[in-house]
N, C-alpha and C. Protein backbone atom coordinates (compact mmCIF):
# COMPACT_ATOMS: atom_id res chain seq x y z
N MET A 1 11.03 -3.38 22.50
CA MET A 1 10.35 -2.63 21.48
C MET A 1 11.35 -1.74 20.76
N ALA A 2 11.14 -1.50 19.47
CA ALA A 2 12.06 -0.73 18.66
C ALA A 2 12.02 0.74 19.02
N ASN A 3 13.12 1.43 18.78
CA ASN A 3 13.22 2.85 19.01
C ASN A 3 12.53 3.59 17.87
N ALA A 4 11.49 4.38 18.18
CA ALA A 4 10.70 5.05 17.15
C ALA A 4 11.54 6.04 16.35
N ASP A 5 12.55 6.66 16.96
CA ASP A 5 13.38 7.61 16.22
C ASP A 5 14.20 6.91 15.15
N MET A 6 14.55 5.66 15.36
CA MET A 6 15.38 4.93 14.41
C MET A 6 14.55 4.34 13.27
N VAL A 7 13.38 3.78 13.58
CA VAL A 7 12.60 3.09 12.56
C VAL A 7 11.44 3.91 12.05
N GLY A 8 11.13 5.02 12.66
CA GLY A 8 10.01 5.84 12.23
C GLY A 8 8.76 5.49 13.00
N SER A 9 7.81 6.38 12.88
CA SER A 9 6.54 6.14 13.56
C SER A 9 5.39 6.57 12.67
N ILE A 10 4.24 6.08 13.01
CA ILE A 10 3.01 6.36 12.29
C ILE A 10 2.15 7.25 13.19
N LEU A 11 1.66 8.34 12.63
CA LEU A 11 0.76 9.20 13.40
C LEU A 11 -0.68 8.69 13.32
N ALA A 12 -1.04 8.17 12.14
CA ALA A 12 -2.42 7.69 11.96
C ALA A 12 -2.49 6.74 10.78
N LEU A 13 -3.49 5.88 10.82
CA LEU A 13 -3.82 5.00 9.71
C LEU A 13 -5.30 5.21 9.42
N LEU A 14 -5.61 5.61 8.20
CA LEU A 14 -7.00 5.89 7.82
C LEU A 14 -7.42 4.94 6.72
N VAL A 15 -8.63 4.43 6.82
CA VAL A 15 -9.25 3.66 5.75
C VAL A 15 -10.55 4.39 5.44
N LEU A 16 -10.60 4.96 4.23
CA LEU A 16 -11.75 5.78 3.84
C LEU A 16 -12.39 5.20 2.58
N ASP A 17 -13.72 5.28 2.50
CA ASP A 17 -14.39 4.76 1.31
C ASP A 17 -14.17 5.70 0.13
N SER A 18 -14.79 5.37 -1.00
CA SER A 18 -14.54 6.13 -2.23
C SER A 18 -15.10 7.54 -2.19
N GLU A 19 -15.85 7.87 -1.15
CA GLU A 19 -16.37 9.23 -0.97
C GLU A 19 -15.64 9.96 0.15
N GLY A 20 -14.66 9.30 0.75
CA GLY A 20 -13.90 9.92 1.83
C GLY A 20 -14.49 9.71 3.22
N LYS A 21 -15.48 8.85 3.31
CA LYS A 21 -16.09 8.57 4.61
C LYS A 21 -15.31 7.47 5.32
N ARG A 22 -15.25 7.57 6.62
CA ARG A 22 -14.47 6.70 7.48
C ARG A 22 -15.01 5.25 7.49
N LEU A 23 -14.12 4.31 7.18
CA LEU A 23 -14.40 2.89 7.40
C LEU A 23 -13.68 2.43 8.67
N PHE A 24 -12.46 2.92 8.82
CA PHE A 24 -11.64 2.60 10.00
C PHE A 24 -10.58 3.68 10.14
N THR A 25 -10.34 4.08 11.36
CA THR A 25 -9.23 5.00 11.62
C THR A 25 -8.56 4.60 12.92
N LYS A 26 -7.28 4.81 12.94
CA LYS A 26 -6.50 4.59 14.16
C LYS A 26 -5.52 5.74 14.27
N TYR A 27 -5.73 6.57 15.29
CA TYR A 27 -4.84 7.68 15.55
C TYR A 27 -3.88 7.26 16.66
N TYR A 28 -2.60 7.30 16.36
CA TYR A 28 -1.59 6.89 17.33
C TYR A 28 -1.03 8.09 18.08
N ASN A 29 -0.41 8.99 17.37
CA ASN A 29 0.25 10.13 17.99
C ASN A 29 -0.24 11.43 17.39
N LEU A 30 -1.48 11.46 17.02
CA LEU A 30 -2.09 12.63 16.41
C LEU A 30 -3.42 12.84 17.11
N THR A 31 -3.56 13.97 17.76
CA THR A 31 -4.79 14.19 18.53
C THR A 31 -5.53 15.42 18.03
N PHE A 32 -6.82 15.36 18.15
CA PHE A 32 -7.69 16.46 17.77
C PHE A 32 -8.59 16.80 18.96
N LYS A 33 -9.12 18.00 18.95
CA LYS A 33 -9.97 18.44 20.06
C LYS A 33 -11.35 17.81 20.01
N SER A 34 -11.79 17.41 18.81
CA SER A 34 -13.13 16.85 18.68
C SER A 34 -13.18 15.85 17.53
N LYS A 35 -14.24 15.09 17.50
CA LYS A 35 -14.44 14.14 16.40
C LYS A 35 -14.64 14.89 15.08
N ASP A 36 -15.28 16.06 15.15
CA ASP A 36 -15.46 16.87 13.95
C ASP A 36 -14.12 17.28 13.34
N GLU A 37 -13.14 17.60 14.18
CA GLU A 37 -11.81 17.94 13.68
C GLU A 37 -11.16 16.73 13.02
N GLU A 38 -11.35 15.54 13.60
CA GLU A 38 -10.83 14.31 12.99
C GLU A 38 -11.45 14.11 11.60
N LEU A 39 -12.77 14.26 11.52
CA LEU A 39 -13.47 14.06 10.25
C LEU A 39 -13.04 15.10 9.21
N ASP A 40 -12.83 16.34 9.64
CA ASP A 40 -12.34 17.38 8.73
C ASP A 40 -10.94 17.02 8.21
N PHE A 41 -10.08 16.54 9.12
CA PHE A 41 -8.73 16.12 8.73
C PHE A 41 -8.80 14.99 7.71
N GLU A 42 -9.66 14.01 7.96
CA GLU A 42 -9.81 12.88 7.05
C GLU A 42 -10.29 13.34 5.68
N GLN A 43 -11.21 14.30 5.64
CA GLN A 43 -11.69 14.84 4.37
C GLN A 43 -10.58 15.58 3.62
N GLU A 44 -9.76 16.30 4.36
CA GLU A 44 -8.64 17.02 3.74
C GLU A 44 -7.62 16.03 3.16
N VAL A 45 -7.33 14.97 3.90
CA VAL A 45 -6.41 13.93 3.41
C VAL A 45 -6.99 13.30 2.15
N PHE A 46 -8.26 12.96 2.20
CA PHE A 46 -8.93 12.35 1.05
C PHE A 46 -8.88 13.27 -0.16
N SER A 47 -9.19 14.54 0.05
CA SER A 47 -9.19 15.51 -1.05
C SER A 47 -7.80 15.67 -1.65
N LYS A 48 -6.80 15.77 -0.78
CA LYS A 48 -5.42 15.92 -1.24
C LYS A 48 -4.98 14.68 -2.04
N ALA A 49 -5.31 13.49 -1.53
CA ALA A 49 -4.91 12.25 -2.20
C ALA A 49 -5.69 12.04 -3.49
N SER A 50 -6.92 12.54 -3.56
CA SER A 50 -7.75 12.36 -4.76
C SER A 50 -7.23 13.14 -5.95
N THR A 51 -6.45 14.18 -5.69
CA THR A 51 -5.94 15.01 -6.78
C THR A 51 -4.58 14.54 -7.29
N GLN A 52 -4.02 13.48 -6.69
CA GLN A 52 -2.70 13.01 -7.11
C GLN A 52 -2.77 12.31 -8.45
N SER A 53 -1.63 12.23 -9.11
CA SER A 53 -1.60 11.65 -10.45
C SER A 53 -1.47 10.12 -10.43
N THR A 54 -0.81 9.57 -9.43
CA THR A 54 -0.65 8.12 -9.37
C THR A 54 -0.97 7.60 -7.97
N ASP A 55 -1.27 6.33 -7.92
CA ASP A 55 -1.62 5.66 -6.67
C ASP A 55 -0.46 5.64 -5.68
N SER A 56 0.76 5.60 -6.18
CA SER A 56 1.91 5.40 -5.31
C SER A 56 2.64 6.70 -4.96
N GLU A 57 2.06 7.84 -5.29
CA GLU A 57 2.70 9.12 -5.03
C GLU A 57 2.61 9.45 -3.54
N ILE A 58 3.76 9.74 -2.94
CA ILE A 58 3.81 10.15 -1.53
C ILE A 58 3.57 11.65 -1.49
N LEU A 59 2.67 12.08 -0.62
CA LEU A 59 2.25 13.48 -0.58
C LEU A 59 2.68 14.14 0.72
N THR A 60 2.80 15.45 0.68
CA THR A 60 2.98 16.22 1.90
C THR A 60 1.77 17.12 2.05
N PHE A 61 1.35 17.28 3.30
CA PHE A 61 0.16 18.07 3.60
C PHE A 61 0.39 18.68 4.98
N ASP A 62 0.43 20.01 5.05
CA ASP A 62 0.78 20.71 6.29
C ASP A 62 2.11 20.14 6.80
N GLN A 63 2.11 19.60 8.02
CA GLN A 63 3.34 19.03 8.57
C GLN A 63 3.33 17.50 8.52
N TYR A 64 2.56 16.95 7.57
CA TYR A 64 2.39 15.50 7.48
C TYR A 64 2.86 14.95 6.14
N ILE A 65 3.28 13.69 6.20
CA ILE A 65 3.51 12.89 4.99
C ILE A 65 2.32 11.96 4.88
N ILE A 66 1.77 11.86 3.69
CA ILE A 66 0.64 10.96 3.44
C ILE A 66 1.09 9.92 2.43
N VAL A 67 0.97 8.65 2.81
CA VAL A 67 1.26 7.55 1.89
C VAL A 67 -0.07 6.88 1.58
N PRO A 68 -0.60 7.13 0.37
CA PRO A 68 -1.90 6.56 0.01
C PRO A 68 -1.78 5.25 -0.76
N LYS A 69 -2.83 4.46 -0.66
CA LYS A 69 -2.96 3.26 -1.48
C LYS A 69 -4.43 3.17 -1.88
N ALA A 70 -4.69 3.28 -3.17
CA ALA A 70 -6.07 3.26 -3.67
C ALA A 70 -6.47 1.86 -4.08
N TYR A 71 -7.65 1.48 -3.69
CA TYR A 71 -8.28 0.23 -4.12
C TYR A 71 -9.56 0.61 -4.86
N PRO A 72 -10.24 -0.35 -5.50
CA PRO A 72 -11.41 0.01 -6.32
C PRO A 72 -12.47 0.87 -5.60
N ASN A 73 -12.76 0.58 -4.34
CA ASN A 73 -13.83 1.36 -3.69
C ASN A 73 -13.45 1.88 -2.30
N PHE A 74 -12.16 1.99 -2.04
CA PHE A 74 -11.71 2.59 -0.79
C PHE A 74 -10.21 2.90 -0.91
N GLY A 75 -9.70 3.58 0.10
CA GLY A 75 -8.28 3.89 0.11
C GLY A 75 -7.73 3.78 1.52
N ILE A 76 -6.45 3.47 1.60
CA ILE A 76 -5.75 3.41 2.88
C ILE A 76 -4.71 4.53 2.86
N TYR A 77 -4.61 5.24 3.99
CA TYR A 77 -3.70 6.36 4.08
C TYR A 77 -2.88 6.22 5.36
N ILE A 78 -1.58 6.19 5.20
CA ILE A 78 -0.68 6.19 6.35
C ILE A 78 -0.18 7.61 6.50
N ILE A 79 -0.31 8.14 7.71
CA ILE A 79 0.06 9.51 7.99
C ILE A 79 1.29 9.50 8.90
N GLY A 80 2.30 10.23 8.49
CA GLY A 80 3.52 10.36 9.28
C GLY A 80 3.89 11.83 9.41
N ASP A 81 4.80 12.11 10.29
CA ASP A 81 5.32 13.47 10.46
C ASP A 81 6.21 13.79 9.27
N VAL A 82 6.23 15.05 8.88
CA VAL A 82 7.03 15.46 7.73
C VAL A 82 8.52 15.17 7.94
N LYS A 83 8.94 15.01 9.20
CA LYS A 83 10.35 14.70 9.50
C LYS A 83 10.64 13.20 9.38
N ASP A 84 9.60 12.37 9.29
CA ASP A 84 9.80 10.92 9.19
C ASP A 84 10.35 10.54 7.82
N ASN A 85 10.95 9.37 7.76
CA ASN A 85 11.50 8.85 6.52
C ASN A 85 10.35 8.34 5.65
N GLU A 86 10.12 9.02 4.54
CA GLU A 86 9.01 8.65 3.67
C GLU A 86 9.19 7.27 3.03
N LEU A 87 10.43 6.83 2.86
CA LEU A 87 10.66 5.50 2.30
C LEU A 87 10.21 4.41 3.27
N ILE A 88 10.46 4.63 4.56
CA ILE A 88 10.01 3.66 5.55
C ILE A 88 8.49 3.65 5.62
N LEU A 89 7.87 4.81 5.59
CA LEU A 89 6.41 4.87 5.59
C LEU A 89 5.85 4.17 4.35
N GLY A 90 6.52 4.34 3.22
CA GLY A 90 6.11 3.64 2.00
C GLY A 90 6.24 2.14 2.14
N GLU A 91 7.29 1.70 2.81
CA GLU A 91 7.47 0.25 3.05
C GLU A 91 6.37 -0.31 3.96
N VAL A 92 5.95 0.49 4.93
CA VAL A 92 4.83 0.07 5.80
C VAL A 92 3.59 -0.15 4.94
N MET A 93 3.32 0.79 4.04
CA MET A 93 2.15 0.65 3.16
C MET A 93 2.31 -0.56 2.26
N ASP A 94 3.51 -0.77 1.72
CA ASP A 94 3.74 -1.95 0.87
C ASP A 94 3.50 -3.24 1.65
N THR A 95 3.97 -3.30 2.88
CA THR A 95 3.77 -4.49 3.71
C THR A 95 2.29 -4.71 3.98
N LEU A 96 1.58 -3.65 4.34
CA LEU A 96 0.15 -3.76 4.63
C LEU A 96 -0.62 -4.17 3.38
N SER A 97 -0.35 -3.53 2.26
CA SER A 97 -1.11 -3.86 1.05
C SER A 97 -0.79 -5.26 0.54
N THR A 98 0.46 -5.69 0.65
CA THR A 98 0.82 -7.05 0.25
C THR A 98 0.10 -8.07 1.14
N ALA A 99 0.07 -7.81 2.44
CA ALA A 99 -0.64 -8.70 3.36
C ALA A 99 -2.12 -8.79 2.99
N LEU A 100 -2.74 -7.65 2.71
CA LEU A 100 -4.16 -7.66 2.34
C LEU A 100 -4.39 -8.41 1.03
N GLU A 101 -3.49 -8.22 0.07
CA GLU A 101 -3.64 -8.91 -1.22
C GLU A 101 -3.46 -10.42 -1.07
N LEU A 102 -2.63 -10.85 -0.14
CA LEU A 102 -2.46 -12.30 0.10
C LEU A 102 -3.64 -12.88 0.88
N ILE A 103 -4.25 -12.07 1.74
CA ILE A 103 -5.41 -12.54 2.50
C ILE A 103 -6.65 -12.57 1.62
N PHE A 104 -6.87 -11.49 0.88
CA PHE A 104 -8.05 -11.37 0.03
C PHE A 104 -7.65 -11.64 -1.42
N VAL A 105 -7.42 -12.90 -1.72
CA VAL A 105 -6.90 -13.28 -3.04
C VAL A 105 -7.87 -12.96 -4.18
N GLU A 106 -9.15 -12.85 -3.88
CA GLU A 106 -10.14 -12.50 -4.91
C GLU A 106 -10.13 -11.01 -5.22
N GLY A 107 -9.40 -10.23 -4.45
CA GLY A 107 -9.34 -8.79 -4.65
C GLY A 107 -9.66 -8.07 -3.35
N VAL A 108 -8.94 -7.00 -3.11
CA VAL A 108 -9.12 -6.23 -1.89
C VAL A 108 -10.22 -5.22 -2.14
N GLU A 109 -11.32 -5.34 -1.40
CA GLU A 109 -12.45 -4.42 -1.50
C GLU A 109 -12.91 -4.04 -0.11
N SER A 110 -13.64 -2.94 -0.04
CA SER A 110 -14.10 -2.46 1.27
C SER A 110 -15.02 -3.47 1.96
N SER A 111 -15.80 -4.22 1.18
CA SER A 111 -16.69 -5.21 1.80
C SER A 111 -15.88 -6.30 2.51
N GLY A 112 -14.75 -6.69 1.93
CA GLY A 112 -13.89 -7.69 2.56
C GLY A 112 -13.26 -7.15 3.83
N ILE A 113 -12.83 -5.89 3.79
CA ILE A 113 -12.23 -5.26 4.97
C ILE A 113 -13.26 -5.17 6.09
N THR A 114 -14.46 -4.71 5.77
CA THR A 114 -15.48 -4.55 6.82
C THR A 114 -15.98 -5.91 7.31
N GLN A 115 -16.12 -6.87 6.41
CA GLN A 115 -16.59 -8.20 6.80
C GLN A 115 -15.57 -8.92 7.67
N PHE A 116 -14.30 -8.75 7.36
CA PHE A 116 -13.24 -9.41 8.11
C PHE A 116 -12.38 -8.38 8.85
N MET A 117 -13.05 -7.44 9.50
CA MET A 117 -12.36 -6.37 10.22
C MET A 117 -11.41 -6.94 11.26
N ASN A 118 -11.79 -8.05 11.89
CA ASN A 118 -10.92 -8.65 12.92
C ASN A 118 -9.57 -9.05 12.33
N VAL A 119 -9.54 -9.60 11.14
CA VAL A 119 -8.29 -9.98 10.50
C VAL A 119 -7.50 -8.73 10.12
N PHE A 120 -8.19 -7.74 9.58
CA PHE A 120 -7.54 -6.48 9.22
C PHE A 120 -6.90 -5.86 10.46
N LEU A 121 -7.62 -5.83 11.57
CA LEU A 121 -7.09 -5.25 12.80
C LEU A 121 -5.89 -6.02 13.33
N LEU A 122 -5.92 -7.34 13.21
CA LEU A 122 -4.77 -8.15 13.63
C LEU A 122 -3.54 -7.83 12.79
N VAL A 123 -3.73 -7.68 11.50
CA VAL A 123 -2.61 -7.35 10.61
C VAL A 123 -2.03 -6.00 11.01
N VAL A 124 -2.91 -5.01 11.22
CA VAL A 124 -2.45 -3.67 11.61
C VAL A 124 -1.71 -3.74 12.95
N ASP A 125 -2.26 -4.49 13.92
CA ASP A 125 -1.63 -4.61 15.23
C ASP A 125 -0.28 -5.29 15.18
N GLU A 126 -0.10 -6.23 14.27
CA GLU A 126 1.20 -6.90 14.13
C GLU A 126 2.22 -6.01 13.43
N LEU A 127 1.73 -5.05 12.68
CA LEU A 127 2.59 -4.15 11.91
C LEU A 127 2.95 -2.89 12.69
N ILE A 128 1.97 -2.36 13.44
CA ILE A 128 2.15 -1.08 14.14
C ILE A 128 1.65 -1.22 15.57
N GLU A 129 2.46 -0.81 16.52
CA GLU A 129 2.09 -0.84 17.94
C GLU A 129 2.28 0.56 18.51
N SER A 130 1.20 1.18 18.92
CA SER A 130 1.25 2.54 19.49
C SER A 130 1.99 3.52 18.58
N GLY A 131 1.85 3.33 17.28
CA GLY A 131 2.48 4.20 16.31
C GLY A 131 3.89 3.79 15.92
N ILE A 132 4.45 2.81 16.59
CA ILE A 132 5.80 2.35 16.29
C ILE A 132 5.73 1.19 15.29
N ILE A 133 6.54 1.28 14.27
CA ILE A 133 6.59 0.23 13.25
C ILE A 133 7.33 -0.97 13.83
N LEU A 134 6.64 -2.10 13.90
CA LEU A 134 7.23 -3.30 14.50
C LEU A 134 8.02 -4.14 13.50
N THR A 135 7.52 -4.22 12.28
CA THR A 135 8.17 -5.04 11.27
C THR A 135 7.78 -4.56 9.89
N LEU A 136 8.58 -4.91 8.92
CA LEU A 136 8.26 -4.66 7.52
C LEU A 136 8.24 -5.98 6.75
N ASN A 137 8.19 -7.08 7.49
CA ASN A 137 8.20 -8.42 6.90
C ASN A 137 6.77 -8.94 6.82
N CYS A 138 6.25 -8.97 5.61
CA CYS A 138 4.86 -9.38 5.39
C CYS A 138 4.60 -10.82 5.84
N GLU A 139 5.53 -11.71 5.53
CA GLU A 139 5.34 -13.11 5.92
C GLU A 139 5.30 -13.27 7.43
N GLU A 140 6.10 -12.49 8.13
CA GLU A 140 6.10 -12.52 9.60
C GLU A 140 4.75 -12.03 10.14
N VAL A 141 4.24 -10.97 9.56
CA VAL A 141 2.94 -10.43 9.97
C VAL A 141 1.85 -11.48 9.76
N LEU A 142 1.82 -12.07 8.56
CA LEU A 142 0.78 -13.05 8.25
C LEU A 142 0.91 -14.31 9.10
N ALA A 143 2.13 -14.72 9.38
CA ALA A 143 2.33 -15.89 10.25
C ALA A 143 1.81 -15.61 11.65
N ASP A 144 2.06 -14.39 12.14
CA ASP A 144 1.58 -14.02 13.47
C ASP A 144 0.06 -13.96 13.55
N VAL A 145 -0.58 -13.67 12.41
CA VAL A 145 -2.05 -13.61 12.39
C VAL A 145 -2.65 -14.98 12.04
N GLY A 146 -1.80 -15.91 11.66
CA GLY A 146 -2.30 -17.25 11.36
C GLY A 146 -2.71 -17.45 9.92
N VAL A 147 -2.20 -16.64 9.00
CA VAL A 147 -2.51 -16.75 7.58
C VAL A 147 -1.32 -17.39 6.88
N LYS A 148 -1.59 -18.41 6.10
CA LYS A 148 -0.53 -19.08 5.34
C LYS A 148 -0.11 -18.22 4.16
N THR A 149 1.19 -18.02 4.01
CA THR A 149 1.72 -17.26 2.89
C THR A 149 2.05 -18.21 1.75
N PRO A 150 2.19 -17.68 0.54
CA PRO A 150 2.52 -18.55 -0.58
C PRO A 150 3.79 -19.37 -0.34
N SER A 151 4.83 -18.77 0.26
CA SER A 151 6.06 -19.55 0.47
C SER A 151 5.82 -20.64 1.51
N ALA A 152 5.01 -20.36 2.53
CA ALA A 152 4.70 -21.39 3.53
C ALA A 152 3.87 -22.50 2.88
N LEU A 153 2.94 -22.11 2.00
CA LEU A 153 2.15 -23.11 1.29
C LEU A 153 3.03 -23.93 0.35
N ASN A 154 3.96 -23.27 -0.32
CA ASN A 154 4.89 -24.00 -1.20
C ASN A 154 5.74 -24.98 -0.41
N GLN A 155 6.21 -24.56 0.77
CA GLN A 155 7.00 -25.46 1.61
C GLN A 155 6.16 -26.64 2.06
N ALA A 156 4.92 -26.38 2.45
CA ALA A 156 4.03 -27.46 2.88
C ALA A 156 3.75 -28.41 1.71
N PHE A 157 3.53 -27.84 0.52
CA PHE A 157 3.27 -28.65 -0.66
C PHE A 157 4.49 -29.49 -1.02
N THR A 158 5.68 -28.89 -0.98
CA THR A 158 6.91 -29.62 -1.27
C THR A 158 7.12 -30.75 -0.27
N SER A 159 6.85 -30.46 1.00
CA SER A 159 6.98 -31.48 2.04
C SER A 159 5.99 -32.62 1.80
N LEU A 160 4.76 -32.29 1.42
CA LEU A 160 3.75 -33.30 1.14
C LEU A 160 4.16 -34.17 -0.05
N ILE A 161 4.66 -33.56 -1.11
CA ILE A 161 5.11 -34.30 -2.29
C ILE A 161 6.26 -35.24 -1.92
N THR A 162 7.19 -34.76 -1.11
CA THR A 162 8.32 -35.59 -0.68
C THR A 162 7.83 -36.80 0.11
N LYS A 163 6.89 -36.58 1.02
CA LYS A 163 6.33 -37.68 1.81
C LYS A 163 5.59 -38.68 0.92
N LEU A 164 4.82 -38.16 -0.03
CA LEU A 164 4.09 -39.05 -0.94
C LEU A 164 5.05 -39.88 -1.79
N LYS A 165 6.10 -39.24 -2.28
CA LYS A 165 7.10 -39.98 -3.07
C LYS A 165 7.74 -41.07 -2.23
N ALA A 166 8.03 -40.76 -0.97
CA ALA A 166 8.64 -41.76 -0.08
C ALA A 166 7.68 -42.90 0.15
N GLN A 167 6.40 -42.61 0.34
CA GLN A 167 5.41 -43.67 0.55
C GLN A 167 5.24 -44.54 -0.69
N VAL A 168 5.21 -43.89 -1.85
CA VAL A 168 5.09 -44.65 -3.11
C VAL A 168 6.32 -45.53 -3.30
N ALA A 169 7.47 -44.98 -3.06
CA ALA A 169 8.71 -45.75 -3.20
C ALA A 169 8.71 -46.92 -2.21
N LYS A 170 8.28 -46.66 -0.99
CA LYS A 170 8.24 -47.69 0.05
C LYS A 170 7.25 -48.80 -0.33
N SER A 171 6.07 -48.41 -0.82
CA SER A 171 5.04 -49.40 -1.15
C SER A 171 5.42 -50.18 -2.41
N SER A 172 6.17 -49.62 -3.32
CA SER A 172 6.54 -50.34 -4.53
C SER A 172 7.61 -51.39 -4.25
N TYR A 173 8.35 -51.28 -3.13
CA TYR A 173 9.36 -52.27 -2.78
C TYR A 173 8.78 -53.42 -1.99
N ILE A 174 7.54 -53.28 -1.55
CA ILE A 174 6.94 -54.34 -0.74
C ILE A 174 6.44 -55.48 -1.62
């Protein structure tokens, strides 16, 4: 397993609807005394992120870095320690959002996340283990979850075309 000090770590991953209500949360190295404190923290993160000027703006809040990603009816928030490398946390969000966009080709919406929560959880588990970032390679994550990526599909298509050409060439010589 990778050294968390070298690659960074995630304190929490939040998926909140357009009103700031919890769809999914995973707290790795961030603990609260009660569920009410968790919900208050989530509301504060949502409020802070709602006031930002752009979707890709990395925010600081108390002793945390917040990397938000807004979708039409929900948002994903990666929470890291203020001492963590914000570029690496941003790359984690880029990897996660790219994976979701490749899985949900019709558009990433909260209904897709909730309907296919098992796939979403697999993607998160392949990306983050106990708060430690395992990989930033989207194709590796998707391959581990069993989702074909465009490059894998292109390779399969190219291979199929090559085989068909060989068969056509073979049959035309008979």
